[in-house]
C-alpha atoms as a PDB file:
ATOM      1  CA  MET A   1       0.000   0.000   0.000  1.00  0.00           C
ATOM      2  CA  ALA A   2       1.391   3.380  -1.023  1.00  0.00           C
ATOM      3  CA  GLU A   3       1.565   6.362   1.339  1.00  0.00           C
ATOM      4  CA  TYR A   4       1.260   9.871  -0.057  1.00  0.00           C
ATOM      5  CA  LYS A   5       2.463  13.192   1.317  1.00  0.00           C
ATOM      6  CA  LEU A   6      -0.337  15.685   0.815  1.00  0.00           C
ATOM      7  CA  PRO A   7       0.221  19.081  -0.825  1.00  0.00           C
ATOM      8  CA  SER A   8       0.197  22.105   1.496  1.00  0.00           C
ATOM      9  CA  ILE A   9      -2.923  24.233   1.993  1.00  0.00           C
ATOM     10  CA  ASP A  10      -1.203  27.136   0.224  1.00  0.00           C
ATOM     11  CA  GLU A  11      -0.506  24.951  -2.790  1.00  0.00           C
ATOM     12  CA  ILE A  12      -4.149  23.829  -2.900  1.00  0.00           C
ATOM     13  CA  ILE A  13      -5.490  27.402  -2.674  1.00  0.00           C
ATOM     14  CA  LEU A  14      -3.095  28.583  -5.380  1.00  0.00           C
ATOM     15  CA  ALA A  15      -4.203  25.761  -7.679  1.00  0.00           C
ATOM     16  CA  ILE A  16      -7.948  26.465  -7.431  1.00  0.00           C
ATOM     17  CA  SER A  17      -7.383  30.191  -8.064  1.00  0.00           C
ATOM     18  CA  GLU A  18      -6.085  29.390 -11.556  1.00  0.00           C
ATOM     19  CA  GLU A  19      -7.781  28.060 -14.684  1.00  0.00           C
ATOM     20  CA  PRO A  20      -8.925  24.426 -14.355  1.00  0.00           C
ATOM     21  CA  LEU A  21      -7.036  21.653 -16.060  1.00  0.00           C
ATOM     22  CA  GLY A  22     -10.353  20.107 -17.047  1.00  0.00           C
ATOM     23  CA  MET A  23     -14.103  20.253 -16.429  1.00  0.00           C
ATOM     24  CA  GLY A  24     -16.545  17.375 -16.124  1.00  0.00           C
ATOM     25  CA  GLU A  25     -20.196  16.718 -15.430  1.00  0.00           C
ATOM     26  CA  GLU A  26     -19.690  16.890 -11.669  1.00  0.00           C
ATOM     27  CA  ALA A  27     -16.475  18.760 -10.964  1.00  0.00           C
ATOM     28  CA  LYS A  28     -13.546  20.890 -12.084  1.00  0.00           C
ATOM     29  CA  VAL A  29      -9.968  19.589 -11.855  1.00  0.00           C
ATOM     30  CA  TYR A  30      -7.000  21.841 -11.104  1.00  0.00           C
ATOM     31  CA  LYS A  31      -3.324  20.987 -11.534  1.00  0.00           C
ATOM     32  CA  ILE A  32      -1.075  21.720  -8.543  1.00  0.00           C
ATOM     33  CA  HIS A  33       1.856  23.108 -10.520  1.00  0.00           C
ATOM     34  CA  THR A  34       4.031  23.501  -7.428  1.00  0.00           C
ATOM     35  CA  ASN A  35       3.431  19.841  -6.561  1.00  0.00           C
ATOM     36  CA  PRO A  36       2.833  18.229  -9.967  1.00  0.00           C
ATOM     37  CA  ASN A  37       2.056  14.705  -8.797  1.00  0.00           C
ATOM     38  CA  TYR A  38      -1.365  15.883  -7.583  1.00  0.00           C
ATOM     39  CA  THR A  39      -4.549  17.629  -8.685  1.00  0.00           C
ATOM     40  CA  VAL A  40      -7.435  19.235  -6.800  1.00  0.00           C
ATOM     41  CA  ARG A  41     -10.948  18.171  -7.751  1.00  0.00           C
ATOM     42  CA  VAL A  42     -13.705  20.627  -6.774  1.00  0.00           C
ATOM     43  CA  SER A  43     -17.431  19.924  -6.928  1.00  0.00           C
ATOM     44  CA  ASN A  44     -19.577  22.047  -9.228  1.00  0.00           C
ATOM     45  CA  ASP A  45     -21.713  22.601  -6.106  1.00  0.00           C
ATOM     46  CA  ALA A  46     -18.823  24.212  -4.201  1.00  0.00           C
ATOM     47  CA  PRO A  47     -19.169  27.856  -3.098  1.00  0.00           C
ATOM     48  CA  ALA A  48     -17.282  30.783  -4.648  1.00  0.00           C
ATOM     49  CA  LEU A  49     -13.494  30.929  -4.368  1.00  0.00           C
ATOM     50  CA  ASN A  50     -13.326  33.187  -1.284  1.00  0.00           C
ATOM     51  CA  GLU A  51     -15.709  31.045   0.760  1.00  0.00           C
ATOM     52  CA  LEU A  52     -14.191  27.807  -0.471  1.00  0.00           C
ATOM     53  CA  SER A  53     -10.663  28.998   0.342  1.00  0.00           C
ATOM     54  CA  GLU A  54     -11.734  29.898   3.867  1.00  0.00           C
ATOM     55  CA  ARG A  55     -13.217  26.435   4.353  1.00  0.00           C
ATOM     56  CA  ILE A  56     -10.058  24.779   3.060  1.00  0.00           C
ATOM     57  CA  PHE A  57      -7.995  26.797   5.559  1.00  0.00           C
ATOM     58  CA  THR A  58     -10.208  25.877   8.501  1.00  0.00           C
ATOM     59  CA  GLU A  59     -11.206  22.278   7.697  1.00  0.00           C
ATOM     60  CA  LYS A  60      -8.740  19.414   7.674  1.00  0.00           C
ATOM     61  CA  PHE A  61      -8.292  16.988   4.823  1.00  0.00           C
ATOM     62  CA  THR A  62      -8.780  13.334   5.708  1.00  0.00           C
ATOM     63  CA  ALA A  63      -6.378  10.910   4.040  1.00  0.00           C
ATOM     64  CA  GLN A  64      -7.750   7.864   2.219  1.00  0.00           C
ATOM     65  CA  LYS A  65      -6.152   4.470   2.355  1.00  0.00           C
ATOM     66  CA  ASP A  66      -4.623   3.164  -0.866  1.00  0.00           C
ATOM     67  CA  ILE A  67      -6.717   0.248  -2.150  1.00  0.00           C
ATOM     68  CA  PHE A  68      -5.033   0.020  -5.554  1.00  0.00           C
ATOM     69  CA  SER A  69      -1.552  -1.164  -4.516  1.00  0.00           C
ATOM     70  CA  GLY A  70       0.126   1.991  -5.758  1.00  0.00           C
ATOM     71  CA  ARG A  71      -1.543   2.042  -9.185  1.00  0.00           C
ATOM     72  CA  ASN A  72      -2.562   5.420 -10.552  1.00  0.00           C
ATOM     73  CA  TYR A  73      -6.164   5.861 -11.671  1.00  0.00           C
ATOM     74  CA  ALA A  74      -6.144   9.585 -10.783  1.00  0.00           C
ATOM     75  CA  GLN A  75      -8.010   8.484  -7.653  1.00  0.00           C
ATOM     76  CA  PRO A  76      -8.607  10.641  -4.540  1.00  0.00           C
ATOM     77  CA  ILE A  77      -6.032  10.316  -1.766  1.00  0.00           C
ATOM     78  CA  ALA A  78      -7.655  12.830   0.627  1.00  0.00           C
ATOM     79  CA  TYR A  79     -11.002  14.579   0.957  1.00  0.00           C
ATOM     80  CA  MET A  80     -12.727  17.535   2.623  1.00  0.00           C
ATOM     81  CA  GLY A  81     -16.346  18.675   3.029  1.00  0.00           C
ATOM     82  CA  LEU A  82     -18.378  15.475   3.268  1.00  0.00           C
ATOM     83  CA  ASP A  83     -21.955  15.579   2.045  1.00  0.00           C
ATOM     84  CA  SER A  84     -24.301  15.411   5.036  1.00  0.00           C
ATOM     85  CA  TYR A  85     -26.507  12.893   3.199  1.00  0.00           C
ATOM     86  CA  ASP A  86     -23.921  10.788   1.392  1.00  0.00           C
ATOM     87  CA  LYS A  87     -20.725  10.050   3.299  1.00  0.00           C
ATOM     88  CA  HIS A  88     -18.994   8.895   0.112  1.00  0.00           C
ATOM     89  CA  ASN A  89     -19.317  12.333  -1.542  1.00  0.00           C
ATOM     90  CA  ALA A  90     -17.056  15.297  -0.756  1.00  0.00           C
ATOM     91  CA  MET A  91     -16.740  18.924  -1.852  1.00  0.00           C
ATOM     92  CA  VAL A  92     -12.989  18.796  -2.517  1.00  0.00           C
ATOM     93  CA  THR A  93     -10.540  15.951  -3.027  1.00  0.00           C
ATOM     94  CA  ILE A  94      -6.807  15.739  -3.592  1.00  0.00           C
ATOM     95  CA  ASN A  95      -6.158  13.294  -6.433  1.00  0.00           C
ATOM     96  CA  LEU A  96      -3.158  11.676  -8.025  1.00  0.00           C
ATOM     97  CA  TYR A  97      -2.134  13.301 -11.289  1.00  0.00           C
ATOM     98  CA  ALA A  98      -2.280  10.911 -14.249  1.00  0.00           C
ATOM     99  CA  PRO A  99      -0.134  12.119 -17.157  1.00  0.00           C
ATOM    100  CA  GLY A 100      -1.797  12.168 -20.547  1.00  0.00           C
ATOM    101  CA  VAL A 101      -4.506  14.084 -22.373  1.00  0.00           C
ATOM    102  CA  SER A 102      -8.172  13.422 -22.981  1.00  0.00           C
ATOM    103  CA  MET A 103      -9.192  12.197 -26.419  1.00  0.00           C
ATOM    104  CA  GLU A 104     -12.717  13.498 -25.985  1.00  0.00           C
ATOM    105  CA  ILE A 105     -13.771  15.701 -28.881  1.00  0.00           C
ATOM    106  CA  HIS A 106     -16.718  17.351 -27.120  1.00  0.00           C
ATOM    107  CA  LYS A 107     -16.098  18.362 -23.532  1.00  0.00           C
ATOM    108  CA  PRO A 108     -18.892  19.204 -21.038  1.00  0.00           C
ATOM    109  CA  GLY A 109     -19.526  22.936 -20.699  1.00  0.00           C
ATOM    110  CA  ARG A 110     -18.038  23.707 -24.097  1.00  0.00           C
ATOM    111  CA  LYS A 111     -19.687  24.332 -27.441  1.00  0.00           C
ATOM    112  CA  MET A 112     -19.793  21.345 -29.776  1.00  0.00           C
ATOM    113  CA  PRO A 113     -17.060  21.772 -32.428  1.00  0.00           C
ATOM    114  CA  GLN A 114     -18.193  22.265 -36.022  1.00  0.00           C
ATOM    115  CA  THR A 115     -18.269  19.080 -38.053  1.00  0.00           C
ATOM    116  CA  ASP A 116     -15.086  19.891 -40.027  1.00  0.00           C
ATOM    117  CA  GLU A 117     -13.113  20.757 -36.880  1.00  0.00           C
ATOM    118  CA  ALA A 118     -14.415  17.707 -35.051  1.00  0.00           C
ATOM    119  CA  LEU A 119     -13.494  15.473 -37.985  1.00  0.00           C
ATOM    120  CA  MET A 120      -9.946  16.842 -38.054  1.00  0.00           C
ATOM    121  CA  LYS A 121      -9.524  16.168 -34.327  1.00  0.00           C
ATOM    122  CA  THR A 122     -11.166  12.752 -34.569  1.00  0.00           C
ATOM    123  CA  LEU A 123      -8.817  11.730 -37.372  1.00  0.00           C
ATOM    124  CA  ALA A 124      -5.748  12.888 -35.436  1.00  0.00           C
ATOM    125  CA  TRP A 125      -6.723  11.077 -32.225  1.00  0.00           C
ATOM    126  CA  SER A 126      -7.760   7.936 -34.096  1.00  0.00           C
ATOM    127  CA  LYS A 127      -4.438   7.754 -35.917  1.00  0.00           C
ATOM    128  CA  ALA A 128      -2.639   8.195 -32.571  1.00  0.00           C
ATOM    129  CA  VAL A 129      -4.556   5.251 -31.059  1.00  0.00           C
ATOM    130  CA  VAL A 130      -3.849   3.062 -34.080  1.00  0.00           C
ATOM    131  CA  ASN A 131      -0.130   3.761 -33.708  1.00  0.00           C
ATOM    132  CA  MET A 132       0.039   2.862 -30.003  1.00  0.00           C
ATOM    133  CA  PRO A 133       2.058  -0.313 -29.367  1.00  0.00           C
ATOM    134  CA  ASP A 134       0.478  -3.571 -28.211  1.00  0.00           C
ATOM    135  CA  SER A 135       2.191  -3.042 -24.848  1.00  0.00           C
ATOM    136  CA  ALA A 136      -0.069  -0.024 -24.234  1.00  0.00           C
ATOM    137  CA  ILE A 137      -3.155  -2.131 -24.946  1.00  0.00           C
ATOM    138  CA  ASP A 138      -1.853  -4.928 -22.709  1.00  0.00           C
ATOM    139  CA  LYS A 139      -1.295  -2.511 -19.805  1.00  0.00           C
ATOM    140  CA  LEU A 140      -4.831  -1.209 -20.244  1.00  0.00           C
ATOM    141  CA  TYR A 141      -6.211  -4.736 -20.041  1.00  0.00           C
ATOM    142  CA  ASP A 142      -4.117  -5.419 -16.959  1.00  0.00           C
ATOM    143  CA  ASP A 143      -5.662  -2.343 -15.335  1.00  0.00           C
ATOM    144  CA  LEU A 144      -9.135  -3.659 -16.203  1.00  0.00           C
ATOM    145  CA  HIS A 145      -8.371  -7.032 -14.611  1.00  0.00           C
ATOM    146  CA  PHE A 146      -7.028  -5.300 -11.506  1.00  0.00           C
ATOM    147  CA  LEU A 147      -9.945  -2.865 -11.176  1.00  0.00           C
ATOM    148  CA  SER A 148     -12.419  -5.754 -11.250  1.00  0.00           C
ATOM    149  CA  SER A 149     -10.505  -7.486  -8.453  1.00  0.00           C
ATOM    150  CA  ARG A 150     -11.043  -4.342  -6.339  1.00  0.00           C
ATOM    151  CA  GLU A 151     -14.701  -4.089  -7.438  1.00  0.00           C
ATOM    152  CA  TYR A 152     -14.149  -0.779  -9.222  1.00  0.00           C
ATOM    153  CA  SER A 153     -15.110   0.024 -12.780  1.00  0.00           C
ATOM    154  CA  ILE A 154     -14.339   2.425 -15.585  1.00  0.00           C
ATOM    155  CA  ASP A 155     -16.978   5.141 -15.733  1.00  0.00           C
ATOM    156  CA  VAL A 156     -19.516   5.408 -18.532  1.00  0.00           C
ATOM    157  CA  GLY A 157     -21.968   7.987 -19.799  1.00  0.00           C
ATOM    158  CA  ASN A 158     -25.340   8.179 -21.540  1.00  0.00           C
ATOM    159  CA  GLY A 159     -26.985   5.735 -19.169  1.00  0.00           C
ATOM    160  CA  GLY A 160     -24.319   3.088 -19.603  1.00  0.00           C
ATOM    161  CA  LEU A 161     -24.335   2.895 -23.385  1.00  0.00           C
ATOM    162  CA  PHE A 162     -20.786   4.044 -24.000  1.00  0.00           C
ATOM    163  CA  THR A 163     -17.456   4.574 -22.297  1.00  0.00           C
ATOM    164  CA  ASN A 164     -16.470   8.217 -22.038  1.00  0.00           C
ATOM    165  CA  THR A 165     -13.271   8.808 -24.020  1.00  0.00           C
ATOM    166  CA  GLY A 166     -12.540  11.642 -21.605  1.00  0.00           C
ATOM    167  CA  ASN A 167     -11.916   8.993 -18.947  1.00  0.00           C
ATOM    168  CA  ILE A 168      -9.132   7.290 -20.884  1.00  0.00           C
ATOM    169  CA  LEU A 169      -6.028   9.436 -21.240  1.00  0.00           C
ATOM    170  CA  TYR A 170      -3.561   9.173 -24.107  1.00  0.00           C
ATOM    171  CA  SER A 171       0.147   9.735 -23.531  1.00  0.00           C
ATOM    172  CA  GLY A 172       2.296   9.732 -26.626  1.00  0.00           C
ATOM    173  CA  ALA A 173       5.427  10.475 -24.606  1.00  0.00           C
ATOM    174  CA  ASP A 174       5.512   7.172 -22.706  1.00  0.00           C
ATOM    175  CA  LYS A 175       3.209   5.242 -25.069  1.00  0.00           C
ATOM    176  CA  GLU A 176       0.548   4.414 -22.495  1.00  0.00           C
ATOM    177  CA  PHE A 177      -3.169   4.821 -21.872  1.00  0.00           C
ATOM    178  CA  ARG A 178      -4.503   5.588 -18.398  1.00  0.00           C
ATOM    179  CA  ILE A 179      -7.967   5.043 -16.932  1.00  0.00           C
ATOM    180  CA  ILE A 180      -9.302   7.856 -14.739  1.00  0.00           C
ATOM    181  CA  ASP A 181     -12.569   8.719 -12.938  1.00  0.00           C
ATOM    182  CA  ILE A 182     -13.251   5.178 -11.766  1.00  0.00           C
ATOM    183  CA  GLN A 183     -16.455   4.137  -9.989  1.00  0.00           C
ATOM    184  CA  PRO A 184     -17.238   1.468  -7.379  1.00  0.00           C
ATOM    185  CA  PHE A 185     -19.300  -1.436  -8.666  1.00  0.00           C
ATOM    186  CA  ALA A 186     -23.016  -0.697  -8.791  1.00  0.00           C
ATOM    187  CA  ARG A 187     -25.105  -3.515  -7.323  1.00  0.00           C
ATOM    188  CA  GLU A 188     -28.553  -1.958  -6.993  1.00  0.00           C
ATOM    189  CA  HIS A 189     -29.259  -0.441 -10.383  1.00  0.00           C
ATOM    190  CA  VAL A 190     -32.100  -1.079 -12.825  1.00  0.00           C
ATOM    191  CA  GLY A 191     -31.094  -3.272 -15.733  1.00  0.00           C
ATOM    192  CA  ILE A 192     -27.717  -4.552 -14.527  1.00  0.00           C
ATOM    193  CA  ASN A 193     -26.668  -8.004 -13.477  1.00  0.00           C
ATOM    194  CA  GLN A 194     -26.417  -7.772  -9.674  1.00  0.00           C
ATOM    195  CA  ASN A 195     -24.019 -10.715  -9.574  1.00  0.00           C
ATOM    196  CA  HIS A 196     -21.572  -9.184 -12.042  1.00  0.00           C
ATOM    197  CA  THR A 197     -17.837  -9.500 -11.479  1.00  0.00           C
ATOM    198  CA  LYS A 198     -16.456  -6.991 -13.998  1.00  0.00           C
ATOM    199  CA  GLY A 199     -18.574  -3.831 -14.046  1.00  0.00           C
ATOM    200  CA  PHE A 200     -17.771  -2.024 -17.287  1.00  0.00           C
ATOM    201  CA  ASN A 201     -14.231  -3.449 -17.378  1.00  0.00           C
ATOM    202  CA  THR A 202     -14.814  -5.430 -20.571  1.00  0.00           C
ATOM    203  CA  PRO A 203     -13.662  -5.266 -24.221  1.00  0.00           C
ATOM    204  CA  LEU A 204     -17.074  -4.012 -25.376  1.00  0.00           C
ATOM    205  CA  TYR A 205     -16.819  -0.857 -23.269  1.00  0.00           C
ATOM    206  CA  LEU A 206     -13.081  -0.433 -23.685  1.00  0.00           C
ATOM    207  CA  THR A 207     -13.519  -0.425 -27.460  1.00  0.00           C
ATOM    208  CA  ARG A 208     -15.978   2.438 -27.416  1.00  0.00           C
ATOM    209  CA  GLY A 209     -13.725   4.290 -24.976  1.00  0.00           C
ATOM    210  CA  LEU A 210     -10.796   4.216 -27.400  1.00  0.00           C
ATOM    211  CA  ILE A 211     -12.662   5.423 -30.484  1.00  0.00           C
ATOM    212  CA  PRO A 212     -12.687   9.247 -30.574  1.00  0.00           C
ATOM    213  CA  GLY A 213     -15.947  10.726 -31.799  1.00  0.00           C
ATOM    214  CA  ALA A 214     -17.779   7.409 -31.500  1.00  0.00           C
ATOM    215  CA  TYR A 215     -20.663   8.924 -29.586  1.00  0.00           C
ATOM    216  CA  GLY A 216     -20.998  12.630 -30.335  1.00  0.00           C
ATOM    217  CA  TYR A 217     -20.121  12.399 -34.037  1.00  0.00           C
ATOM    218  CA  ALA A 218     -20.876   8.816 -35.031  1.00  0.00           C
ATOM    219  CA  GLY A 219     -23.444   9.902 -37.612  1.00  0.00           C
ATOM    220  CA  GLU A 220     -21.579  12.911 -38.993  1.00  0.00           C
ATOM    221  CA  HIS A 221     -18.389  10.926 -39.584  1.00  0.00           C
ATOM    222  CA  ALA A 222     -20.018   7.700 -40.737  1.00  0.00           C
ATOM    223  CA  LYS A 223     -19.182   7.985 -44.431  1.00  0.00           C
ATOM    224  CA  TYR A 224     -15.572   9.178 -44.237  1.00  0.00           C
ATOM    225  CA  PRO A 225     -13.470   6.210 -45.450  1.00  0.00           C
ATOM    226  CA  PRO A 226     -10.130   7.026 -43.724  1.00  0.00           C
ATOM    227  CA  LEU A 227     -11.887   7.354 -40.354  1.00  0.00           C
ATOM    228  CA  ILE A 228     -13.792   4.090 -40.789  1.00  0.00           C
ATOM    229  CA  GLU A 229     -10.467   2.434 -41.615  1.00  0.00           C
ATOM    230  CA  TYR A 230      -8.948   3.785 -38.383  1.00  0.00           C
ATOM    231  CA  ARG A 231     -11.966   2.625 -36.367  1.00  0.00           C
ATOM    232  CA  THR A 232     -11.670  -0.844 -37.862  1.00  0.00           C
ATOM    233  CA  GLU A 233      -7.970  -1.012 -36.958  1.00  0.00           C
ATOM    234  CA  ILE A 234      -8.670   0.154 -33.396  1.00  0.00           C
ATOM    235  CA  ILE A 235     -11.327  -2.510 -32.896  1.00  0.00           C
ATOM    236  CA  ASP A 236      -8.970  -5.134 -34.266  1.00  0.00           C
ATOM    237  CA  LYS A 237      -6.279  -4.030 -31.769  1.00  0.00           C
ATOM    238  CA  ILE A 238      -8.771  -4.234 -28.897  1.00  0.00           C
ATOM    239  CA  ILE A 239      -9.960  -7.721 -29.880  1.00  0.00           C
ATOM    240  CA  ARG A 240      -6.385  -8.989 -30.248  1.00  0.00           C
ATOM    241  CA  GLY A 241      -5.662  -7.484 -26.833  1.00  0.00           C
ATOM    242  CA  ALA A 242      -8.634  -9.337 -25.361  1.00  0.00           C
ATOM    243  CA  GLN A 243      -7.282 -12.592 -26.797  1.00  0.00           C
ATOM    244  CA  ARG A 244      -3.762 -12.005 -25.448  1.00  0.00           C
ATOM    245  CA  ASN A 245      -5.032 -10.937 -22.027  1.00  0.00           C
ATOM    246  CA  HIS A 246      -7.893 -13.419 -21.643  1.00  0.00           C
ATOM    247  CA  LEU A 247     -10.677 -10.962 -20.853  1.00  0.00           C
ATOM    248  CA  ASN A 248     -14.167 -11.418 -22.270  1.00  0.00           C
ATOM    249  CA  ASP A 249     -17.456  -9.548 -21.916  1.00  0.00           C
ATOM    250  CA  VAL A 250     -19.419 -12.114 -19.913  1.00  0.00           C
ATOM    251  CA  GLY A 251     -19.833 -11.291 -16.243  1.00  0.00           C
ATOM    252  CA  GLY A 252     -20.073  -7.523 -16.586  1.00  0.00           C
ATOM    253  CA  TYR A 253     -23.106  -5.306 -16.062  1.00  0.00           C
ATOM    254  CA  LEU A 254     -24.833  -6.747 -19.117  1.00  0.00           C
ATOM    255  CA  ARG A 255     -27.225  -9.640 -18.484  1.00  0.00           C
ATOM    256  CA  ALA A 256     -25.895 -11.837 -21.264  1.00  0.00           C
ATOM    257  CA  ASP A 257     -24.060 -15.000 -22.226  1.00  0.00           C
ATOM    258  CA  MET A 258     -21.819 -15.142 -25.281  1.00  0.00           C
ATOM    259  CA  ASN A 259     -24.803 -15.287 -27.643  1.00  0.00           C
ATOM    260  CA  GLY A 260     -26.184 -12.131 -26.101  1.00  0.00           C
ATOM    261  CA  ILE A 261     -22.761 -10.489 -26.184  1.00  0.00           C
ATOM    262  CA  ALA A 262     -22.562 -11.230 -29.914  1.00  0.00           C
ATOM    263  CA  GLU A 263     -25.757  -9.229 -30.421  1.00  0.00           C
ATOM    264  CA  TYR A 264     -24.314  -6.258 -28.529  1.00  0.00           C
ATOM    265  CA  TRP A 265     -21.163  -6.364 -30.669  1.00  0.00           C
ATOM    266  CA  GLU A 266     -23.269  -6.572 -33.817  1.00  0.00           C
ATOM    267  CA  ILE A 267     -25.114  -3.405 -32.794  1.00  0.00           C
ATOM    268  CA  GLN A 268     -21.884  -1.613 -31.912  1.00  0.00           C
ATOM    269  CA  LEU A 269     -20.038  -2.540 -35.088  1.00  0.00           C
ATOM    270  CA  THR A 270     -23.027  -1.551 -37.228  1.00  0.00           C
ATOM    271  CA  ARG A 271     -23.352   1.820 -35.508  1.00  0.00           C
ATOM    272  CA  LEU A 272     -19.639   2.484 -36.052  1.00  0.00           C
ATOM    273  CA  ARG A 273     -20.042   1.558 -39.755  1.00  0.00           C
ATOM    274  CA  ILE A 274     -17.445  -1.206 -39.611  1.00  0.00           C
ATOM    275  CA  PRO A 275     -17.283  -2.878 -43.076  1.00  0.00           C
ATOM    276  CA  GLU A 276     -19.274  -6.071 -43.436  1.00  0.00           C
ATOM    277  CA  GLN A 277     -16.247  -8.166 -44.406  1.00  0.00           C
ATOM    278  CA  TYR A 278     -14.739  -7.642 -40.931  1.00  0.00           C
ATOM    279  CA  LYS A 279     -17.800  -7.858 -38.702  1.00  0.00           C
ATOM    280  CA  GLU A 280     -18.376 -11.623 -38.680  1.00  0.00           C
ATOM    281  CA  LYS A 281     -14.737 -12.418 -37.844  1.00  0.00           C
ATOM    282  CA  PHE A 282     -14.579  -9.696 -35.168  1.00  0.00           C
ATOM    283  CA  ILE A 283     -17.670 -11.099 -33.436  1.00  0.00           C
ATOM    284  CA  LYS A 284     -16.451 -14.689 -33.706  1.00  0.00           C
ATOM    285  CA  ASP A 285     -13.033 -13.789 -32.299  1.00  0.00           C
ATOM    286  CA  ILE A 286     -14.288 -11.698 -29.364  1.00  0.00           C
ATOM    287  CA  CYS A 287     -16.826 -14.365 -28.415  1.00  0.00           C
ATOM    288  CA  SER A 288     -14.153 -17.060 -28.368  1.00  0.00           C
ATOM    289  CA  VAL A 289     -11.973 -15.334 -25.755  1.00  0.00           C
ATOM    290  CA  GLN A 290     -11.437 -17.521 -22.687  1.00  0.00           C
ATOM    291  CA  GLN A 291     -11.585 -15.691 -19.353  1.00  0.00           C
ATOM    292  CA  GLU A 292      -8.601 -15.604 -17.007  1.00  0.00           C
ATOM    293  CA  HIS A 293      -8.939 -14.306 -13.448  1.00  0.00           C
ATOM    294  CA  ARG A 294      -5.586 -12.623 -13.174  1.00  0.00           C
ATOM    295  CA  TYR A 295      -5.963 -11.108  -9.693  1.00  0.00           C
ATOM    296  CA  ARG A 296      -7.545 -12.436  -6.537  1.00  0.00           C
ATOM    297  CA  LEU A 297     -10.827 -10.787  -5.568  1.00  0.00           C
ATOM    298  CA  TYR A 298     -10.243  -8.370  -2.695  1.00  0.00           C
ATOM    299  CA  ARG A 299     -13.453  -7.320  -0.985  1.00  0.00           C
ATOM    300  CA  ASN A 300     -12.220  -5.931   2.316  1.00  0.00           C
ATOM    301  CA  HIS A 301     -11.507  -2.416   1.170  1.00  0.00           C
ATOM    302  CA  ILE A 302     -12.822   1.002   2.180  1.00  0.00           C
ATOM    303  CA  PRO A 303     -14.884   2.730  -0.546  1.00  0.00           C
ATOM    304  CA  LEU A 304     -13.300   5.883  -1.944  1.00  0.00           C
ATOM    305  CA  VAL A 305     -14.773   9.244  -1.034  1.00  0.00           C
ATOM    306  CA  ARG A 306     -15.258  11.133  -4.295  1.00  0.00           C
ATOM    307  CA  VAL A 307     -16.400  14.530  -5.477  1.00  0.00           C
ATOM    308  CA  ALA A 308     -19.935  14.651  -6.802  1.00  0.00           C
ATOM    309  CA  GLY A 309     -21.962  17.599  -8.020  1.00  0.00           C
ATOM    310  CA  ARG A 310     -24.529  18.834 -10.465  1.00  0.00           C
ATOM    311  CA  SER A 311     -24.145  18.440 -14.197  1.00  0.00           C
ATOM    312  CA  MET A 312     -22.867  21.590 -15.860  1.00  0.00           C
ATOM    313  CA  ASN A 313     -25.679  21.232 -18.386  1.00  0.00           C
ATOM    314  CA  SER A 314     -28.473  21.140 -15.786  1.00  0.00           C
END
């Protein structure tokens, strides 16, 4: 278990007085430039800077135990300002900094890019993913195996229909992907398998998470041949990664066996306009993956306290 030395209060205040590093549906994230291994995550429900700064000076941060054996999922390591109704929600958290940039084309709180601009960005990010080495894909699968063993999951949007590309970071410098904004397994939720063992940590959701523009611009970009070629290559890389790393889609949130999983893949590949000559083999290959439980299930952990807040669009 890793132990972390928290940034100073002055460093935290300085960070939140600057422009955010990123904005999400629930919170803003600020880089601590004087202590670059950390970020500050602030709820969209937090008060104005003056009041928030005063609270940070007077309230103490509570450290969280490391439940990920030193792995970096940009997870909280300390929190302040617990919600009076939900003891797992906080106003401010100190998080690990995960190097890399978001591949998300449309970010919450920002105007949707014009189709031409979005296509240019989508092409650039897609080419970058295609050129990532197999070792980057293998590390991503290892993180999925590990997250499931801790009963945590990659986060999704749109009611669980797609993985948010903003929650998978791309780093060209060290040739790695990183998962951020993880969620504890949901057990009591309409439509999910309550006995699941993987959450959203499956090839089906990982694939959508690595295809820039797959959700916001799927229709607009559907007929552009170079982009469809990139998407096809990305899906092929993900399926080969699933075969090498022995992770299949059965046992996640979806209530399905392999026959049901095949139907989900058929829908996904059709929506992404994958050419017909590849679809049958892709589905056959992904449905033939044999599961390997790489890490022992570890249930005796303390749930993370996270920042939660209102959607910026509400």
